[in-house]
Each structure stands twice: as structure tokens, then as C-alpha cells.
N, C-alpha and C. Protein backbone atom coordinates (compact mmCIF):
# COMPACT_ATOMS: atom_id res chain seq x y z
N MET A 1 0.87 -1.49 0.32
CA MET A 1 0.21 0.17 -0.03
C MET A 1 1.09 1.34 0.13
N LYS A 2 2.32 1.45 0.11
CA LYS A 2 3.30 2.13 0.12
C LYS A 2 3.00 2.81 -0.65
N PHE A 3 2.99 2.36 -1.88
CA PHE A 3 2.89 2.95 -3.34
C PHE A 3 1.62 2.55 -4.42
N ALA A 4 0.74 2.91 -3.25
CA ALA A 4 -0.62 2.88 -4.20
C ALA A 4 -1.56 4.05 -4.84
N GLY A 5 -1.78 4.12 -5.57
CA GLY A 5 -2.25 5.39 -6.68
C GLY A 5 -3.19 5.20 -7.11
N MET A 6 -3.48 6.18 -8.06
CA MET A 6 -4.37 6.59 -9.07
C MET A 6 -3.59 6.44 -10.06
N SER A 7 -1.95 6.45 -10.51
CA SER A 7 -1.72 6.33 -11.55
C SER A 7 -1.45 5.00 -12.17
N PRO A 8 -1.03 4.49 -12.91
CA PRO A 8 -0.75 3.02 -13.43
C PRO A 8 -0.10 2.03 -12.68
N SER A 9 0.84 2.26 -12.15
CA SER A 9 1.96 1.87 -11.13
C SER A 9 1.34 1.22 -10.02
N GLY A 10 0.79 2.89 -9.44
CA GLY A 10 -0.25 2.81 -8.14
C GLY A 10 -1.38 1.70 -8.31
N ARG A 11 -1.81 1.37 -9.72
CA ARG A 11 -3.31 0.78 -9.34
C ARG A 11 -2.29 -0.72 -9.31
N ILE A 12 -1.33 -1.04 -9.79
CA ILE A 12 -0.69 -2.32 -9.92
C ILE A 12 -0.53 -2.83 -8.52
N ALA A 13 0.02 -1.93 -7.80
CA ALA A 13 0.41 -2.07 -6.25
C ALA A 13 -0.92 -2.03 -5.14
N THR A 14 -2.06 -1.36 -5.84
CA THR A 14 -3.26 -1.78 -5.08
C THR A 14 -3.72 -3.02 -5.36
N ARG A 15 -3.51 -3.35 -6.43
CA ARG A 15 -3.98 -4.63 -6.85
C ARG A 15 -3.20 -5.87 -5.87
N PHE A 16 -1.71 -5.61 -5.63
CA PHE A 16 -0.73 -6.97 -5.07
C PHE A 16 -1.70 -6.63 -3.45
N ALA A 17 -2.17 -5.46 -2.77
CA ALA A 17 -2.22 -5.07 -1.77
C ALA A 17 -3.60 -6.36 -1.06
N THR A 18 -4.35 -6.00 -2.33
CA THR A 18 -5.46 -6.40 -2.27
C THR A 18 -5.50 -8.14 -1.94
N TRP A 19 -4.96 -8.86 -2.46
CA TRP A 19 -4.51 -10.20 -2.35
C TRP A 19 -4.84 -10.96 -1.16
N LEU A 20 -4.07 -10.29 -0.03
CA LEU A 20 -4.04 -11.05 1.09
C LEU A 20 -4.91 -9.97 2.14
N ALA A 21 -5.98 -9.25 1.39
CA ALA A 21 -7.13 -8.11 2.52
C ALA A 21 -8.10 -9.20 2.73
N PRO A 22 -8.39 -8.37 4.06
CA PRO A 22 -9.34 -9.57 4.26
C PRO A 22 -10.77 -8.94 4.09
N PRO A 23 -11.54 -9.62 3.87
CA PRO A 23 -13.11 -9.35 3.08
C PRO A 23 -13.97 -8.33 3.65
N HIS A 24 -14.75 -7.69 2.80
CA HIS A 24 -15.97 -6.63 3.68
C HIS A 24 -15.13 -5.54 4.27
N LYS A 25 -15.89 -5.49 5.58
CA LYS A 25 -15.64 -4.46 6.67
C LYS A 25 -14.18 -4.41 7.40
N ALA A 26 -14.04 -5.68 7.24
CA ALA A 26 -12.42 -5.77 7.55
C ALA A 26 -11.39 -5.22 6.52
N GLY A 27 -12.06 -5.30 5.49
CA GLY A 27 -10.65 -4.56 4.76
C GLY A 27 -10.15 -3.71 4.59
N THR A 28 -11.38 -2.10 5.71
CA THR A 28 -10.67 -1.20 5.25
C THR A 28 -9.58 -0.57 6.40
N ILE A 29 -9.19 -1.89 6.70
CA ILE A 29 -7.92 -1.54 7.13
C ILE A 29 -6.67 -1.28 6.31
N LEU A 30 -7.12 -1.11 4.77
CA LEU A 30 -6.16 -1.01 3.89
C LEU A 30 -5.87 0.63 3.69
N LYS A 31 -7.24 0.93 4.18
CA LYS A 31 -7.21 2.65 4.08
C LYS A 31 -6.21 3.36 5.17
N THR A 32 -6.16 2.58 5.96
CA THR A 32 -4.81 3.20 6.98
C THR A 32 -3.47 3.03 6.70
N MET A 33 -3.18 2.39 5.70
CA MET A 33 -1.99 2.13 5.23
C MET A 33 -0.94 3.30 4.17
N ASN A 34 -1.74 3.81 3.74
CA ASN A 34 -1.59 5.52 2.93
C ASN A 34 -2.45 6.08 3.14
N PRO A 35 -1.84 7.53 3.05
CA PRO A 35 -2.77 8.75 3.08
C PRO A 35 -3.46 9.01 2.40
N ASN A 36 -3.44 8.74 1.48
CA ASN A 36 -4.53 8.52 0.28
C ASN A 36 -5.73 7.84 0.04
N GLY A 37 -5.61 7.15 1.25
CA GLY A 37 -6.63 5.92 1.62
C GLY A 37 -6.21 4.49 0.33
N TYR A 38 -7.47 3.99 -0.33
CA TYR A 38 -7.65 2.64 -0.73
C TYR A 38 -8.40 2.74 -1.74
N ILE A 39 -8.26 2.81 -3.08
CA ILE A 39 -9.61 2.77 -3.79
C ILE A 39 -9.28 1.34 -4.46
N ALA A 40 -10.22 0.25 -4.66
CA ALA A 40 -10.33 -0.82 -5.19
C ALA A 40 -9.87 -0.83 -6.72
N PRO A 41 -9.23 -1.50 -7.16
CA PRO A 41 -9.00 -1.85 -8.61
C PRO A 41 -10.09 -1.97 -9.31
N SER A 42 -11.10 -2.76 -9.10
CA SER A 42 -12.22 -2.68 -9.49
C SER A 42 -13.14 -1.22 -9.15
N ALA A 43 -12.81 -0.50 -8.72
CA ALA A 43 -14.01 0.72 -8.82
C ALA A 43 -13.59 1.76 -9.81
N THR A 44 -14.31 2.24 -10.29
CA THR A 44 -14.51 3.30 -11.69
C THR A 44 -14.81 4.69 -11.16
N ILE A 45 -13.64 5.55 -11.21
CA ILE A 45 -13.71 6.94 -11.22
C ILE A 45 -14.24 7.33 -12.63
N TYR A 46 -15.10 8.15 -12.56
CA TYR A 46 -15.65 8.48 -14.05
C TYR A 46 -16.07 10.02 -13.97
N HIS A 47 -15.44 10.79 -13.02
CA HIS A 47 -15.60 11.94 -12.71
C HIS A 47 -14.70 12.97 -12.91
N SER A 48 -15.11 14.27 -13.55
CA SER A 48 -14.19 15.32 -13.27
C SER A 48 -13.89 16.16 -12.18
N ASP A 49 -14.66 16.42 -11.72
CA ASP A 49 -14.26 16.93 -10.11
C ASP A 49 -14.41 16.50 -8.64
N VAL A 50 -13.70 15.17 -8.80
CA VAL A 50 -13.93 14.47 -7.57
C VAL A 50 -12.97 14.65 -6.32
N ARG A 51 -12.93 14.67 -5.49
CA ARG A 51 -11.79 14.75 -4.55
C ARG A 51 -12.00 14.55 -3.03
N PHE A 52 -10.97 13.17 -2.70
CA PHE A 52 -11.04 12.70 -1.79
C PHE A 52 -10.64 13.08 -0.49
N GLY A 53 -10.91 12.80 0.71
CA GLY A 53 -10.29 12.96 1.67
C GLY A 53 -9.20 12.28 2.59
N ALA A 54 -8.33 12.95 3.38
CA ALA A 54 -6.93 11.32 4.07
C ALA A 54 -8.20 10.23 4.38
N ASN A 55 -7.10 8.75 3.98
CA ASN A 55 -7.70 7.96 4.21
C ASN A 55 -8.86 6.73 4.18
N VAL A 56 -9.45 7.47 2.58
CA VAL A 56 -11.00 6.99 2.55
C VAL A 56 -10.52 5.32 1.96
N PHE A 57 -12.01 4.59 1.84
CA PHE A 57 -12.02 3.13 1.22
C PHE A 57 -12.59 3.48 0.40
N ILE A 58 -12.46 3.26 -0.91
CA ILE A 58 -13.54 2.76 -1.95
C ILE A 58 -13.61 1.36 -2.29
N GLY A 59 -14.76 0.82 -2.04
CA GLY A 59 -14.59 -0.65 -2.31
C GLY A 59 -14.86 -1.34 -3.53
N ASP A 60 -14.98 -2.35 -3.58
CA ASP A 60 -15.08 -3.40 -5.14
C ASP A 60 -16.27 -2.90 -5.67
N ARG A 61 -16.29 -2.47 -6.83
CA ARG A 61 -16.88 -1.97 -7.92
C ARG A 61 -18.24 -0.92 -7.77
N VAL A 62 -17.62 -0.04 -6.96
CA VAL A 62 -17.92 1.22 -6.57
C VAL A 62 -17.95 2.16 -8.28
N ILE A 63 -18.64 2.77 -8.26
CA ILE A 63 -18.69 3.78 -9.63
C ILE A 63 -18.84 5.31 -9.19
N ILE A 64 -18.04 6.29 -9.30
CA ILE A 64 -18.15 7.34 -9.26
C ILE A 64 -18.79 8.32 -10.41
N TYR A 65 -19.82 8.66 -10.98
CA TYR A 65 -19.83 8.98 -11.49
C TYR A 65 -20.17 10.48 -12.14
N GLU A 66 -20.08 11.11 -13.03
CA GLU A 66 -20.46 12.51 -13.49
C GLU A 66 -21.17 12.54 -15.16
N ALA A 67 -22.57 12.73 -14.70
CA ALA A 67 -23.28 12.94 -16.07
C ALA A 67 -23.16 13.82 -16.98
N VAL A 68 -22.97 13.74 -18.73
CA VAL A 68 -22.51 14.54 -19.66
C VAL A 68 -23.43 15.83 -19.35
N SER A 69 -23.95 15.97 -18.19
CA SER A 69 -25.11 17.01 -18.18
C SER A 69 -24.87 18.00 -17.36
N GLY A 70 -22.97 18.08 -17.10
CA GLY A 70 -22.93 19.34 -16.22
C GLY A 70 -22.95 18.77 -14.90
N GLY A 71 -22.59 17.61 -14.32
CA GLY A 71 -22.42 17.47 -13.07
C GLY A 71 -21.81 18.17 -12.55
N GLY A 72 -21.93 18.22 -10.90
CA GLY A 72 -21.25 19.62 -10.08
C GLY A 72 -20.28 18.21 -9.42
N PRO A 73 -19.46 19.15 -8.57
CA PRO A 73 -18.37 18.10 -7.80
C PRO A 73 -18.73 17.20 -6.87
N ALA A 74 -17.61 16.43 -6.46
CA ALA A 74 -18.14 14.94 -5.62
C ALA A 74 -16.92 15.19 -4.43
N ARG A 75 -17.08 15.55 -3.40
CA ARG A 75 -16.46 15.34 -1.94
C ARG A 75 -16.21 14.25 -1.32
N ILE A 76 -15.44 13.77 -0.82
CA ILE A 76 -15.45 12.74 -0.45
C ILE A 76 -14.27 12.78 0.80
N GLY A 77 -14.93 13.26 2.03
CA GLY A 77 -14.52 13.53 3.24
C GLY A 77 -13.35 12.76 3.52
N ASP A 78 -12.21 12.94 4.51
CA ASP A 78 -11.87 12.14 5.62
C ASP A 78 -12.36 10.55 6.12
N ARG A 79 -11.30 9.59 5.94
CA ARG A 79 -12.20 8.43 6.41
C ARG A 79 -13.28 8.04 6.14
N VAL A 80 -13.92 8.06 5.10
CA VAL A 80 -15.06 7.73 4.49
C VAL A 80 -14.59 6.49 3.84
N CYS A 81 -15.86 5.72 4.27
CA CYS A 81 -16.10 4.38 3.60
C CYS A 81 -17.02 3.89 2.87
N ILE A 82 -16.54 3.63 1.23
CA ILE A 82 -17.52 3.75 0.70
C ILE A 82 -17.59 2.29 0.22
N TYR A 83 -18.95 1.06 0.57
CA TYR A 83 -18.91 -0.24 0.35
C TYR A 83 -19.15 -0.90 -0.93
N ARG A 84 -19.28 -1.92 -1.40
CA ARG A 84 -19.27 -2.58 -3.10
C ARG A 84 -20.29 -2.48 -3.17
N ASP A 85 -20.34 -2.47 -4.71
CA ASP A 85 -21.32 -2.26 -5.77
C ASP A 85 -22.26 -1.00 -5.42
N SER A 86 -21.96 0.10 -4.76
CA SER A 86 -22.35 1.60 -4.86
C SER A 86 -21.84 2.66 -5.80
N ILE A 87 -23.16 3.23 -6.33
CA ILE A 87 -23.07 4.15 -7.24
C ILE A 87 -23.00 5.71 -6.86
N LEU A 88 -22.51 6.63 -6.72
CA LEU A 88 -22.67 7.77 -6.51
C LEU A 88 -22.50 8.42 -7.87
N GLU A 89 -23.64 9.54 -7.70
CA GLU A 89 -23.51 10.50 -9.25
C GLU A 89 -23.68 11.33 -9.24
N THR A 90 -23.52 12.38 -10.04
CA THR A 90 -23.73 14.11 -10.12
C THR A 90 -24.59 14.06 -11.46
N GLY A 91 -25.01 15.06 -11.23
CA GLY A 91 -25.77 16.00 -13.02
C GLY A 91 -26.39 16.81 -13.18
N PHE A 92 -26.54 17.37 -13.84
CA PHE A 92 -27.02 18.74 -13.74
C PHE A 92 -27.59 19.26 -12.90
N GLY A 93 -26.96 20.91 -12.22
CA GLY A 93 -27.22 21.27 -10.97
C GLY A 93 -27.15 20.58 -9.77
N GLY A 94 -26.24 19.68 -9.44
CA GLY A 94 -26.16 18.45 -8.32
C GLY A 94 -24.86 18.52 -7.92
N ARG A 95 -24.93 18.78 -6.62
CA ARG A 95 -23.50 18.02 -6.01
C ARG A 95 -23.43 17.14 -4.82
N LEU A 96 -22.48 16.61 -4.70
CA LEU A 96 -22.85 15.67 -3.23
C LEU A 96 -21.02 15.18 -2.56
N THR A 97 -21.68 15.76 -1.48
CA THR A 97 -20.71 15.92 -0.03
C THR A 97 -21.11 14.64 0.85
N ILE A 98 -19.53 14.04 1.12
CA ILE A 98 -20.01 12.88 1.77
C ILE A 98 -19.17 13.43 3.22
N GLY A 99 -19.50 13.46 4.24
CA GLY A 99 -18.70 14.35 5.63
C GLY A 99 -17.47 13.33 6.05
N PRO A 100 -16.53 13.80 6.50
CA PRO A 100 -15.54 12.93 7.25
C PRO A 100 -16.65 11.60 8.22
N ASP A 101 -15.40 10.60 8.34
CA ASP A 101 -15.86 9.50 9.11
C ASP A 101 -17.06 8.87 8.96
N SER A 102 -18.11 9.12 7.65
CA SER A 102 -19.27 8.54 7.47
C SER A 102 -18.63 7.20 6.46
N ALA A 103 -20.18 6.71 6.35
CA ALA A 103 -20.07 5.15 5.42
C ALA A 103 -20.92 5.37 4.78
N VAL A 104 -21.25 4.78 3.41
CA VAL A 104 -22.28 4.28 2.23
C VAL A 104 -22.19 2.60 1.88
N HIS A 105 -23.00 2.42 2.44
CA HIS A 105 -23.12 0.68 2.96
C HIS A 105 -23.01 0.18 1.09
N PRO A 106 -23.18 -1.37 1.34
CA PRO A 106 -23.02 -1.83 -0.14
C PRO A 106 -24.11 -1.64 -0.38
N ARG A 107 -24.31 -1.45 -2.24
CA ARG A 107 -25.66 -1.32 -3.12
C ARG A 107 -26.15 0.17 -3.42
N CYS A 108 -25.94 0.81 -2.04
CA CYS A 108 -26.43 1.96 -2.27
C CYS A 108 -26.09 3.01 -3.49
N GLN A 109 -27.46 3.58 -4.12
CA GLN A 109 -26.87 4.39 -4.66
C GLN A 109 -27.36 5.94 -4.58
N LEU A 110 -26.51 6.83 -4.28
CA LEU A 110 -27.05 8.44 -4.20
C LEU A 110 -26.56 9.10 -5.92
N ASN A 111 -27.65 9.69 -6.56
CA ASN A 111 -27.85 10.73 -7.66
C ASN A 111 -28.26 12.09 -6.71
N ALA A 112 -27.10 12.61 -7.26
CA ALA A 112 -27.30 14.34 -7.25
C ALA A 112 -27.50 14.83 -8.25
N TYR A 113 -28.82 15.56 -8.85
CA TYR A 113 -28.91 16.16 -9.83
C TYR A 113 -30.10 17.75 -9.42
N MET A 114 -29.98 18.97 -9.83
CA MET A 114 -30.72 19.71 -9.29
C MET A 114 -30.35 20.22 -7.86
N GLY A 115 -29.76 19.63 -6.98
CA GLY A 115 -29.78 20.29 -5.59
C GLY A 115 -28.40 19.50 -5.23
N SER A 116 -28.34 19.55 -4.14
CA SER A 116 -27.31 18.59 -3.23
C SER A 116 -27.44 17.50 -2.36
N ILE A 117 -26.79 17.04 -2.21
CA ILE A 117 -26.81 15.42 -0.80
C ILE A 117 -25.38 15.83 -0.24
């Protein structure tokens, strides 16, 4: 996890770290091993204005998506955990903020359009 990150080499380092990690919520230990936190290799970040706080956990198959209709910013606070198969989306006029020490549990979907969440 020392070399983990969003770069291609960082994604490879992250994948190696996951091989020995415990499943589900026990895997959040990975977020403490790097100040940038942990973003699962299977997560999709398709957003031009997303900012992550320190020590975040983004689980398997999480999607953070910005619709082409001018989605607003997405802010993920410090020590936030977003568990597997969740979708966070911003669209026209919407913005999304998840405060520090919060959790988004498996298979949740948050869509921010025409307002803030």
C-alpha cells in the first residue's frame, strides 16, 4: 500500500495489496496504510471534479460518475468508507458531499441532480 495510488503503477500496487486483505468491512484496514487511502482496482472513477479526503476506503465495483449534463463536484471526506457496488452520481445542477467518518453501505445509490446531497 505504500506505493498505491491512481497512476498505472499505483493501481498495480493496490491490486497486490488486495490479495491478502480480509473481506468486506475488515478490508478497511487498507485505508490506514496510505494517506491517500484505498481505492479498489475494480472501482470506476468517471468524474472530472471528485476530491478524496485522507484515508478513504472505496470498495469493489464502486462507481463515482459524472453525467455529461454538467454534473457538479463530488467531495468524499476524511476516513469515509464506500462499500462494494455503490453508485455515486452527479448531474446537472447537483453536487455530492459525504462528510468525514461516514459510511455508504453496499449497493447504495446516491444521485445528485438539481440540488445537493
